[in-house]
Amino acid sequence: MQQIIINQSADECRLAVLTDGVVSRLSVEHACQRSLVDDIYLGTVVRVLPAMQAAFVDIGREKMGFLHADDLPVSTKTLSQLNGVPVTNNPLIEHRLRQGEQVLVQVVRDELGEKGVRLTANLAISTHLLVYRPDDVCQVKVSHKIRDKHRRQHLQASLSDWLTQEQMQGGLMARTLANDASDDDLQGHLGYLGQCQQQLTANLTAAKLAHQKTALLYQKPLSVRIIAEFVGAKTQTIIVDDGQLYHRLSEACQYLAPDLSHSIVHHTDDVPIFIAHQVEQAIQNALSRQVSLKSGGYLVIEETEAMVSIDVNTGSFVGHSSPSQLIYQTNLEAVDAIASQLILRNLGGIIVIDFIDMKEQEHRTNLYQRLQQALSSDSAKTQITQVKRPDLVVLTRERSTKSLLKQLCQPCKACQGMGWQKSPHTLGFEIMREILRLHRQHPKTSGFVVMVHESVLPWLSSDLKMVFDDLKNSINKQIEFRKNNQYRPNQFAVQPS
């Protein structure tokens, strides 16, 4: 059984996926730090770098986007339509792009550190059943995970016919979940993708008529993103605490997930939704360096700019008389926990796992196979690249957005970047949620006093001023901030006044 729990406010959306009552996935998005992944832009080539076989593209943001030659299609209709010149099949980027020309691009990775967004010219608009590529050749593909020959043939024939009926040009791919979808569901998804393509074309036409150099042409609505990214075959309910998002999800489910349209619940209880479903504690655990294993062992997870290191330790695990069996059992348990933590914390890039050294070759082989099996269910592309020693494994995991730690925290200035502390933005939203909780408990109080470390005060009274002004108006109570340096920058207290 799987549930999706959504806590939505004016400036923040937090989502948790619960599998059999346990938080298996987390997502936090602030309005000012919204993920750009899947957004489609009209961009202008600023610089072509033949030595790197890449180009920098201006999409209207402060940092230039990065477009590699591998992310240019062999033949692109859109490029020729935009610039009025035929597109060469020469693979070298300097023969395909020129400084100052326009190109349609899509974001595949958010800004990370000093790097701008990663772009592709292979456009794709997706739901959780279908992927539509408007500039691809007109053909239908089926996910290789759908193995039944008759089902594959049915999908290819039906989708090809519907593409023709809808007069949609481009390629289409049936995703794995399409295996269990009805024809009505698939047609509903195709109709939605056709509407998205019409919107994209209309926005492109308007941008060209206005002689815009850059423009945002397509942005997937939050309700559709939630369904496309988080709804799976095991999803049974979606519980949301915001009325507007509840109605938008209900509408989107009518044509994207009809089976779920009557399983969306509006949470209106006084107890905050993330507390009611034990998600707040799961977030705190996901920010911790140490992860306990059921039998007494533990993991130590360290994130740096370049990589993630995971160290496996036996701890107090004394369940076996044989030391080799003890180590083997701890490592096996660690594999499942590591696979879960990669998804929960959204860890990506280079990941180094230091298992406890095992002497027996059979144990090493079984562990390696167990790790491959555990990683196979990850929706992000994950691959074991090296086994340095029998106990040291290096793998890579696709990274498109920031990790949970980097979304919610910032480097600690007190220890000169050696550790992490919650960012003022994260702390501000925690304060807001605590005020709302106390407002329900003390409806007759005239206001609230918030005590924080003095380093947080300027941020709360500037960057989050509008958020707290809206909160004051909505609850009709005063909110006063006071400094108290007995609290650390991570801490605060809220008291009724």
Protein backbone atom coordinates (compact mmCIF):
# COMPACT_ATOMS: atom_id res chain seq x y z
CA MET A 1 0.00 0.00 0.00
CA GLN A 2 1.27 3.44 -0.92
CA GLN A 3 0.07 6.87 0.17
CA ILE A 4 1.14 10.33 -1.01
CA ILE A 5 1.03 13.00 1.72
CA ILE A 6 1.23 16.66 0.61
CA ASN A 7 1.74 19.71 2.82
CA GLN A 8 1.18 22.83 0.69
CA SER A 9 1.51 26.49 1.66
CA ALA A 10 1.82 29.69 -0.35
CA ASP A 11 5.60 29.43 -0.67
CA GLU A 12 6.41 25.78 0.00
CA CYS A 13 5.29 22.32 -1.11
CA ARG A 14 6.42 19.27 0.87
CA LEU A 15 5.55 15.78 -0.33
CA ALA A 16 6.12 12.37 1.21
CA VAL A 17 5.48 8.92 -0.21
CA LEU A 18 4.56 6.35 2.43
CA THR A 19 5.02 2.68 1.54
CA ASP A 20 3.32 0.39 4.03
CA GLY A 21 3.30 3.27 6.51
CA VAL A 22 7.04 4.05 6.19
CA VAL A 23 8.33 7.19 4.47
CA SER A 24 10.13 5.97 1.33
CA ARG A 25 10.49 9.25 -0.58
CA LEU A 26 10.59 12.95 0.26
CA SER A 27 10.39 16.10 -1.82
CA VAL A 28 10.59 19.72 -0.63
CA GLU A 29 10.18 22.66 -2.97
CA HIS A 30 10.20 26.36 -2.11
CA ALA A 31 8.55 28.81 -4.50
CA CYS A 32 11.78 30.79 -4.84
CA GLN A 33 13.76 27.59 -5.48
CA ARG A 34 11.33 25.71 -7.71
CA SER A 35 12.83 22.89 -9.75
CA LEU A 36 13.18 23.78 -13.43
CA VAL A 37 13.49 20.18 -14.61
CA ASP A 38 11.20 19.50 -17.63
CA ASP A 39 10.63 23.23 -18.32
CA ILE A 40 10.97 24.09 -22.03
CA TYR A 41 12.55 27.40 -23.07
CA LEU A 42 13.27 29.39 -26.17
CA GLY A 43 16.98 30.13 -25.71
CA THR A 44 19.74 31.99 -27.49
CA VAL A 45 23.17 30.47 -28.07
CA VAL A 46 25.70 32.72 -26.33
CA ARG A 47 28.88 30.78 -26.98
CA VAL A 48 29.89 27.60 -28.82
CA LEU A 49 32.88 25.69 -27.38
CA PRO A 50 34.29 23.27 -30.01
CA ALA A 51 36.96 21.96 -27.62
CA MET A 52 34.26 20.87 -25.15
CA GLN A 53 31.69 20.03 -27.85
CA ALA A 54 29.22 22.12 -25.90
CA ALA A 55 27.46 25.48 -25.94
CA PHE A 56 26.25 27.98 -23.37
CA VAL A 57 22.62 29.00 -23.89
CA ASP A 58 20.84 32.00 -22.41
CA ILE A 59 17.34 31.01 -21.23
CA GLY A 60 16.63 34.20 -19.31
CA ARG A 61 18.20 33.19 -15.99
CA GLU A 62 21.24 34.59 -14.21
CA LYS A 63 23.39 31.57 -15.06
CA MET A 64 23.78 30.27 -18.60
CA GLY A 65 22.51 26.80 -19.40
CA PHE A 66 24.91 24.10 -20.60
CA LEU A 67 24.08 22.16 -23.79
CA HIS A 68 26.35 19.29 -24.89
CA ALA A 69 26.59 18.01 -28.45
CA ASP A 70 25.29 14.61 -27.24
CA ASP A 71 22.04 16.34 -26.29
CA LEU A 72 21.40 17.63 -29.82
CA PRO A 73 19.29 15.37 -32.03
CA VAL A 74 20.86 14.16 -35.27
CA SER A 75 18.24 16.10 -37.19
CA THR A 76 16.11 18.76 -35.53
CA LYS A 77 13.06 20.21 -37.23
CA THR A 78 12.74 22.89 -34.61
CA LEU A 79 16.18 24.35 -35.27
CA SER A 80 15.54 24.73 -38.97
CA GLN A 81 12.09 26.19 -38.35
CA LEU A 82 13.45 28.74 -35.90
CA ASN A 83 16.45 29.87 -37.90
CA GLY A 84 15.37 29.28 -41.49
CA VAL A 85 18.38 27.15 -42.38
CA PRO A 86 18.69 23.38 -42.91
CA VAL A 87 20.25 21.41 -40.10
CA THR A 88 23.42 19.52 -40.95
CA ASN A 89 23.95 15.94 -39.88
CA ASN A 90 27.58 16.71 -39.02
CA PRO A 91 27.96 15.62 -35.37
CA LEU A 92 30.36 18.47 -34.48
CA ILE A 93 28.57 21.15 -32.50
CA GLU A 94 30.32 24.02 -34.32
CA HIS A 95 28.63 22.86 -37.54
CA ARG A 96 25.21 22.66 -35.90
CA LEU A 97 24.94 25.74 -33.68
CA ARG A 98 26.06 29.32 -34.14
CA GLN A 99 26.38 32.15 -31.67
CA GLY A 100 23.25 34.30 -31.60
CA GLU A 101 20.84 31.74 -33.06
CA GLN A 102 17.81 30.49 -31.19
CA VAL A 103 17.08 26.97 -30.06
CA LEU A 104 14.35 25.16 -28.16
CA VAL A 105 15.79 23.50 -25.06
CA GLN A 106 14.53 21.60 -22.04
CA VAL A 107 16.02 21.50 -18.54
CA VAL A 108 17.22 18.04 -17.48
CA ARG A 109 19.20 19.06 -14.36
CA ASP A 110 18.75 21.99 -11.99
CA GLU A 111 21.45 24.46 -11.07
CA LEU A 112 23.95 22.79 -8.73
CA GLY A 113 26.49 24.93 -6.92
CA GLU A 114 28.13 27.27 -9.43
CA LYS A 115 26.86 25.28 -12.39
CA GLY A 116 23.89 26.44 -14.45
CA VAL A 117 21.11 24.15 -15.62
CA ARG A 118 21.90 21.22 -17.91
CA LEU A 119 19.90 21.38 -21.14
CA THR A 120 18.83 19.10 -23.96
CA ALA A 121 17.36 19.86 -27.38
CA ASN A 122 15.60 16.47 -27.37
CA LEU A 123 12.28 17.76 -26.10
CA ALA A 124 9.96 15.42 -24.17
CA ILE A 125 6.59 16.00 -22.51
CA SER A 126 5.56 13.17 -20.21
CA THR A 127 2.89 11.72 -17.98
CA HIS A 128 3.33 8.60 -15.87
CA LEU A 129 2.06 6.46 -18.81
CA LEU A 130 3.43 8.13 -21.96
CA VAL A 131 6.37 10.21 -23.18
CA TYR A 132 5.76 12.44 -26.21
CA ARG A 133 8.70 13.78 -28.25
CA PRO A 134 7.30 16.49 -30.54
CA ASP A 135 10.39 16.76 -32.75
CA ASP A 136 11.18 13.07 -33.04
CA VAL A 137 10.39 10.85 -36.02
CA CYS A 138 6.81 9.57 -36.06
CA GLN A 139 7.13 6.21 -34.36
CA VAL A 140 5.89 4.45 -31.25
CA LYS A 141 8.24 2.73 -28.80
CA VAL A 142 7.40 0.55 -25.83
CA SER A 143 9.37 0.28 -22.58
CA HIS A 144 11.67 -2.73 -22.64
CA LYS A 145 10.32 -3.65 -19.19
CA ILE A 146 7.00 -4.57 -20.85
CA ARG A 147 7.94 -8.08 -21.96
CA ASP A 148 4.64 -9.58 -23.10
CA LYS A 149 4.82 -9.77 -26.91
CA HIS A 150 1.07 -9.37 -27.52
CA ARG A 151 0.82 -6.42 -25.15
CA ARG A 152 3.73 -4.69 -26.88
CA GLN A 153 2.13 -5.20 -30.28
CA HIS A 154 -1.22 -3.90 -29.03
CA LEU A 155 0.36 -0.78 -27.55
CA GLN A 156 2.35 -0.03 -30.69
CA ALA A 157 -0.64 -0.48 -33.00
CA SER A 158 -3.15 1.42 -30.83
CA LEU A 159 -0.87 4.35 -30.06
CA SER A 160 0.14 4.69 -33.71
CA ASP A 161 -3.52 4.87 -34.74
CA TRP A 162 -4.34 7.42 -32.04
CA LEU A 163 -1.36 9.59 -32.99
CA THR A 164 -2.74 9.74 -36.54
CA GLN A 165 -6.28 10.45 -35.34
CA GLU A 166 -5.07 13.29 -33.09
CA GLN A 167 -2.95 14.63 -35.99
CA MET A 168 0.07 14.75 -33.70
CA GLN A 169 3.51 14.78 -35.26
CA GLY A 170 6.39 13.27 -33.33
CA GLY A 171 7.39 10.15 -31.43
CA LEU A 172 5.68 8.43 -28.53
CA MET A 173 6.88 5.96 -25.92
CA ALA A 174 4.72 3.81 -23.67
CA ARG A 175 6.22 3.74 -20.16
CA THR A 176 6.26 0.68 -17.91
CA LEU A 177 3.02 1.62 -16.13
CA ALA A 178 1.23 1.59 -19.50
CA ASN A 179 1.36 -2.21 -19.31
CA ASP A 180 -1.62 -2.24 -16.91
CA ALA A 181 -3.43 0.82 -18.29
CA SER A 182 -6.72 0.65 -20.17
CA ASP A 183 -7.15 2.03 -23.67
CA ASP A 184 -9.34 4.82 -22.26
CA ASP A 185 -6.57 5.84 -19.85
CA LEU A 186 -3.97 5.88 -22.61
CA GLN A 187 -6.20 7.96 -24.90
CA GLY A 188 -6.80 10.40 -22.04
CA HIS A 189 -3.05 10.81 -21.56
CA LEU A 190 -2.47 11.25 -25.29
CA GLY A 191 -5.16 13.93 -25.42
CA TYR A 192 -3.48 15.77 -22.56
CA LEU A 193 -0.09 15.60 -24.31
CA GLY A 194 -1.71 16.98 -27.46
CA GLN A 195 -2.97 19.97 -25.46
CA CYS A 196 0.53 20.54 -24.06
CA GLN A 197 1.97 20.51 -27.58
CA GLN A 198 -0.62 23.06 -28.74
CA GLN A 199 0.25 25.29 -25.78
CA LEU A 200 3.97 24.97 -26.55
CA THR A 201 3.43 25.87 -30.21
CA ALA A 202 1.21 28.85 -29.36
CA ASN A 203 3.74 30.20 -26.85
CA LEU A 204 6.59 29.78 -29.35
CA THR A 205 4.62 31.66 -32.02
CA ALA A 206 3.88 34.49 -29.58
CA ALA A 207 7.55 34.71 -28.52
CA LYS A 208 8.71 34.91 -32.14
CA LEU A 209 6.15 37.59 -33.00
CA ALA A 210 7.36 39.60 -30.00
CA HIS A 211 10.99 39.08 -31.14
CA GLN A 212 11.91 37.65 -27.73
CA LYS A 213 15.41 36.21 -27.37
CA THR A 214 14.40 34.01 -24.44
CA ALA A 215 11.04 32.77 -23.19
CA LEU A 216 9.55 30.09 -20.94
CA LEU A 217 7.31 28.10 -23.29
CA TYR A 218 6.12 25.14 -21.22
CA GLN A 219 5.94 24.43 -17.50
CA LYS A 220 4.30 21.32 -16.12
CA PRO A 221 1.60 22.25 -13.54
CA LEU A 222 2.29 21.15 -9.96
CA SER A 223 -0.71 18.81 -9.91
CA VAL A 224 0.45 17.06 -13.09
CA ARG A 225 4.05 16.86 -11.84
CA ILE A 226 2.87 15.17 -8.66
CA ILE A 227 0.89 12.57 -10.62
CA ALA A 228 3.64 12.02 -13.21
CA GLU A 229 6.54 11.78 -10.75
CA PHE A 230 5.07 10.15 -7.66
CA VAL A 231 1.96 8.15 -8.57
CA GLY A 232 2.70 4.46 -9.14
CA ALA A 233 0.86 1.20 -9.55
CA LYS A 234 0.68 0.78 -5.75
CA THR A 235 -0.63 4.28 -5.00
CA GLN A 236 -3.98 4.06 -3.23
CA THR A 237 -4.60 7.51 -1.75
CA ILE A 238 -3.38 11.10 -2.04
CA ILE A 239 -3.88 13.22 1.09
CA VAL A 240 -3.42 16.99 0.78
CA ASP A 241 -3.99 19.82 3.26
CA ASP A 242 -4.48 22.67 0.77
CA GLY A 243 -7.95 23.23 -0.70
CA GLN A 244 -6.82 24.70 -4.04
CA LEU A 245 -4.28 21.94 -4.69
CA TYR A 246 -6.89 19.36 -3.66
CA HIS A 247 -9.25 20.62 -6.40
CA ARG A 248 -6.45 20.85 -9.02
CA LEU A 249 -5.34 17.29 -8.22
CA SER A 250 -8.95 16.08 -8.45
CA GLU A 251 -9.31 17.66 -11.89
CA ALA A 252 -5.95 16.33 -13.15
CA CYS A 253 -6.73 12.81 -11.92
CA GLN A 254 -9.95 12.73 -13.94
CA TYR A 255 -7.96 12.38 -17.17
CA LEU A 256 -4.51 11.25 -15.95
CA ALA A 257 -5.39 8.81 -13.15
CA PRO A 258 -9.16 8.11 -13.17
CA ASP A 259 -8.80 5.23 -10.70
CA LEU A 260 -7.43 7.71 -8.14
CA SER A 261 -9.97 10.48 -8.73
CA HIS A 262 -12.12 9.28 -5.81
CA SER A 263 -9.12 8.54 -3.57
CA ILE A 264 -7.92 12.11 -3.04
CA VAL A 265 -8.52 13.24 0.53
CA HIS A 266 -8.57 16.83 1.80
CA HIS A 267 -6.91 16.88 5.24
CA THR A 268 -8.75 19.41 7.43
CA ASP A 269 -7.86 18.14 10.93
CA ASP A 270 -6.28 20.47 13.50
CA VAL A 271 -3.22 18.20 13.73
CA PRO A 272 -0.77 19.23 10.94
CA ILE A 273 -0.72 16.65 8.16
CA PHE A 274 2.99 15.79 8.45
CA ILE A 275 2.71 15.30 12.19
CA ALA A 276 -0.43 13.18 11.82
CA HIS A 277 1.43 10.82 9.46
CA GLN A 278 4.80 10.87 11.31
CA VAL A 279 6.59 12.56 8.41
CA GLU A 280 8.22 15.39 10.39
CA GLN A 281 10.36 12.92 12.31
CA ALA A 282 11.29 11.13 9.09
CA ILE A 283 12.61 14.44 7.66
CA GLN A 284 14.76 14.99 10.74
CA ASN A 285 16.11 11.43 10.45
CA ALA A 286 16.90 11.97 6.76
CA LEU A 287 19.11 14.95 7.68
CA SER A 288 21.10 12.94 10.22
CA ARG A 289 24.61 11.64 9.47
CA GLN A 290 23.90 8.33 11.16
CA VAL A 291 21.29 5.78 10.11
CA SER A 292 20.57 2.92 12.49
CA LEU A 293 20.09 -0.60 11.19
CA LYS A 294 17.48 -2.84 12.82
CA SER A 295 20.00 -5.28 14.25
CA GLY A 296 22.26 -2.68 15.89
CA GLY A 297 24.66 -1.77 13.09
CA TYR A 298 24.60 1.66 11.49
CA LEU A 299 25.54 3.73 8.45
CA VAL A 300 27.41 7.02 8.44
CA ILE A 301 26.48 9.17 5.42
CA GLU A 302 28.64 12.17 4.51
CA GLU A 303 27.83 14.56 1.65
CA THR A 304 30.52 16.72 0.07
CA GLU A 305 30.51 18.87 -3.06
CA ALA A 306 32.26 16.15 -5.08
CA MET A 307 30.79 12.90 -3.76
CA VAL A 308 28.82 11.02 -1.11
CA SER A 309 30.54 8.56 1.20
CA ILE A 310 28.69 5.82 3.09
CA ASP A 311 30.45 3.87 5.84
CA VAL A 312 29.00 0.61 7.22
CA ASN A 313 29.62 -0.28 10.88
CA THR A 314 28.61 -3.25 13.04
CA GLY A 315 27.90 -1.11 16.12
CA SER A 316 26.22 -3.17 18.84
CA PHE A 317 25.23 -6.00 16.47
CA VAL A 318 26.14 -9.19 18.37
CA GLY A 319 23.52 -11.55 17.00
CA HIS A 320 25.95 -14.21 15.71
CA SER A 321 28.75 -16.14 17.39
CA SER A 322 30.74 -16.25 14.12
CA PRO A 323 32.49 -12.91 13.37
CA SER A 324 32.38 -13.53 9.60
CA GLN A 325 28.63 -14.22 9.73
CA LEU A 326 28.12 -11.11 11.86
CA ILE A 327 29.93 -8.95 9.28
CA TYR A 328 28.13 -10.57 6.36
CA GLN A 329 24.71 -10.09 7.93
CA THR A 330 25.44 -6.43 8.74
CA ASN A 331 26.56 -5.76 5.17
CA LEU A 332 23.44 -7.41 3.71
CA GLU A 333 21.20 -5.33 5.95
CA ALA A 334 23.18 -2.21 5.00
CA VAL A 335 22.55 -2.80 1.27
CA ASP A 336 18.78 -2.49 1.65
CA ALA A 337 19.15 0.57 3.88
CA ILE A 338 21.55 2.23 1.42
CA ALA A 339 19.21 1.72 -1.53
CA SER A 340 16.39 3.27 0.51
CA GLN A 341 18.50 6.22 1.69
CA LEU A 342 19.66 7.08 -1.84
CA ILE A 343 16.03 7.67 -2.83
CA LEU A 344 14.88 9.22 0.45
CA ARG A 345 17.75 11.76 0.57
CA ASN A 346 17.88 12.18 -3.24
CA LEU A 347 21.62 11.47 -3.25
CA GLY A 348 23.35 11.61 -6.63
CA GLY A 349 26.67 11.83 -8.42
CA ILE A 350 29.58 9.66 -7.26
CA ILE A 351 28.77 7.49 -4.23
CA VAL A 352 31.45 5.52 -2.40
CA ILE A 353 30.31 2.71 -0.09
CA ASP A 354 32.78 1.29 2.43
CA PHE A 355 31.41 -2.09 3.52
CA ILE A 356 32.93 -4.07 6.35
CA ASP A 357 35.67 -6.26 4.89
CA MET A 358 34.61 -9.89 4.29
CA LYS A 359 37.05 -12.77 3.92
CA GLU A 360 34.82 -15.33 2.20
CA GLN A 361 34.42 -15.00 -1.60
CA GLU A 362 30.87 -16.39 -1.48
CA HIS A 363 29.82 -13.61 0.87
CA ARG A 364 31.38 -10.98 -1.42
CA THR A 365 29.59 -12.37 -4.48
CA ASN A 366 26.23 -12.52 -2.70
CA LEU A 367 26.65 -8.98 -1.40
CA TYR A 368 27.45 -7.63 -4.86
CA GLN A 369 24.40 -9.39 -6.36
CA ARG A 370 22.20 -8.11 -3.52
CA LEU A 371 23.40 -4.56 -4.20
CA GLN A 372 22.64 -4.86 -7.93
CA GLN A 373 19.18 -6.19 -7.14
CA ALA A 374 18.45 -3.43 -4.60
CA LEU A 375 19.50 -0.72 -7.08
CA SER A 376 17.46 -2.18 -9.96
CA SER A 377 14.18 -0.79 -8.60
CA ASP A 378 15.53 2.79 -8.44
CA SER A 379 13.81 5.05 -11.01
CA ALA A 380 16.99 7.16 -11.26
CA LYS A 381 19.76 5.71 -13.41
CA THR A 382 22.15 4.02 -11.00
CA GLN A 383 25.21 2.03 -11.99
CA ILE A 384 28.05 0.33 -10.16
CA THR A 385 31.17 1.67 -11.85
CA GLN A 386 33.99 0.14 -9.82
CA VAL A 387 34.78 -2.29 -7.07
CA LYS A 388 38.03 -0.90 -5.72
CA ARG A 389 38.47 -3.56 -3.07
CA PRO A 390 36.17 -6.35 -1.97
CA ASP A 391 34.72 -3.95 0.61
CA LEU A 392 34.83 -0.64 -1.33
CA VAL A 393 32.21 -0.04 -4.02
CA VAL A 394 31.89 3.05 -6.23
CA LEU A 395 28.60 3.75 -7.99
CA THR A 396 27.00 6.66 -9.82
CA ARG A 397 23.42 7.82 -9.49
CA GLU A 398 21.67 10.23 -11.83
CA ARG A 399 21.33 13.67 -10.25
CA SER A 400 18.75 16.16 -11.56
CA THR A 401 17.89 18.16 -8.42
CA LYS A 402 19.59 19.01 -5.14
CA SER A 403 19.78 16.46 -2.36
CA LEU A 404 17.37 16.83 0.56
CA LEU A 405 20.20 18.09 2.77
CA LYS A 406 21.17 20.83 0.31
CA GLN A 407 17.54 21.82 -0.19
CA LEU A 408 16.88 22.28 3.52
CA CYS A 409 20.29 23.21 4.94
CA GLN A 410 23.30 25.40 4.28
CA PRO A 411 27.01 25.08 5.19
CA CYS A 412 27.59 25.99 8.81
CA LYS A 413 29.53 29.27 9.04
CA ALA A 414 30.49 28.62 12.64
CA CYS A 415 32.54 25.57 11.66
CA GLN A 416 33.72 27.09 8.35
CA GLY A 417 31.80 24.70 6.13
CA MET A 418 32.75 21.48 7.91
CA GLY A 419 29.10 20.81 8.83
CA TRP A 420 25.56 21.83 7.98
CA GLN A 421 22.79 23.78 9.66
CA LYS A 422 19.21 24.47 8.63
CA SER A 423 18.93 27.43 6.28
CA PRO A 424 16.96 30.48 7.49
CA HIS A 425 14.41 29.66 4.77
CA THR A 426 13.81 26.17 6.18
CA LEU A 427 13.72 27.53 9.74
CA GLY A 428 11.23 30.22 8.70
CA PHE A 429 8.75 27.65 7.37
CA GLU A 430 9.16 25.53 10.50
CA ILE A 431 8.30 28.62 12.58
CA MET A 432 5.27 29.28 10.39
CA ARG A 433 4.00 25.71 10.83
CA GLU A 434 4.52 25.91 14.60
CA ILE A 435 2.54 29.19 14.75
CA LEU A 436 -0.33 27.57 12.81
CA ARG A 437 -0.28 24.60 15.19
CA LEU A 438 -0.40 26.83 18.28
CA HIS A 439 -3.08 29.00 16.65
CA ARG A 440 -5.35 25.94 16.50
CA GLN A 441 -4.61 25.12 20.14
CA HIS A 442 -4.96 28.71 21.41
CA PRO A 443 -7.53 30.39 19.15
CA LYS A 444 -8.20 33.22 21.66
CA THR A 445 -4.62 34.41 22.12
CA SER A 446 -3.82 37.87 20.74
CA GLY A 447 -0.56 36.88 19.07
CA PHE A 448 2.71 34.98 19.27
CA VAL A 449 6.29 35.74 20.27
CA VAL A 450 9.03 33.97 18.30
CA MET A 451 12.50 33.74 19.87
CA VAL A 452 15.44 33.02 17.57
CA HIS A 453 19.18 33.56 17.36
CA GLU A 454 20.07 37.11 16.28
CA SER A 455 21.64 35.86 13.02
CA VAL A 456 18.22 34.69 11.82
CA LEU A 457 16.28 37.90 12.60
CA PRO A 458 17.35 39.98 9.56
CA TRP A 459 16.38 37.18 7.20
CA LEU A 460 12.94 36.70 8.75
CA SER A 461 12.20 40.44 8.54
CA SER A 462 13.33 40.77 4.91
CA ASP A 463 13.19 37.69 2.67
CA LEU A 464 10.25 36.11 4.50
CA LYS A 465 8.49 39.34 5.48
CA MET A 466 5.69 38.90 2.91
CA VAL A 467 5.12 35.29 3.99
CA PHE A 468 4.71 36.26 7.65
CA ASP A 469 2.59 39.30 6.74
CA ASP A 470 0.22 36.95 4.90
CA LEU A 471 0.23 34.63 7.91
CA LYS A 472 -0.66 37.52 10.26
CA ASN A 473 -3.59 38.47 8.04
CA SER A 474 -4.85 34.92 7.67
CA ILE A 475 -4.91 34.18 11.43
CA ASN A 476 -5.62 37.82 12.44
CA LYS A 477 -2.93 37.80 15.11
CA GLN A 478 0.30 39.68 15.77
CA ILE A 479 3.67 37.93 15.38
CA GLU A 480 6.67 39.41 17.17
CA PHE A 481 10.28 38.29 16.64
CA ARG A 482 12.79 38.60 19.48
CA LYS A 483 16.45 37.67 19.61
CA ASN A 484 17.68 35.19 22.17
CA ASN A 485 21.27 34.07 21.74
CA GLN A 486 20.78 31.17 24.11
CA TYR A 487 19.29 29.48 21.07
CA ARG A 488 21.51 28.16 18.30
CA PRO A 489 20.81 29.37 14.72
CA ASN A 490 18.96 26.07 14.18
CA GLN A 491 16.64 26.59 17.16
CA PHE A 492 13.58 28.67 17.94
CA ALA A 493 10.67 28.88 20.36
CA VAL A 494 7.10 30.15 19.82
CA GLN A 495 4.95 31.28 22.72
CA PRO A 496 1.41 32.70 22.83
CA SER A 497 1.52 36.36 23.92
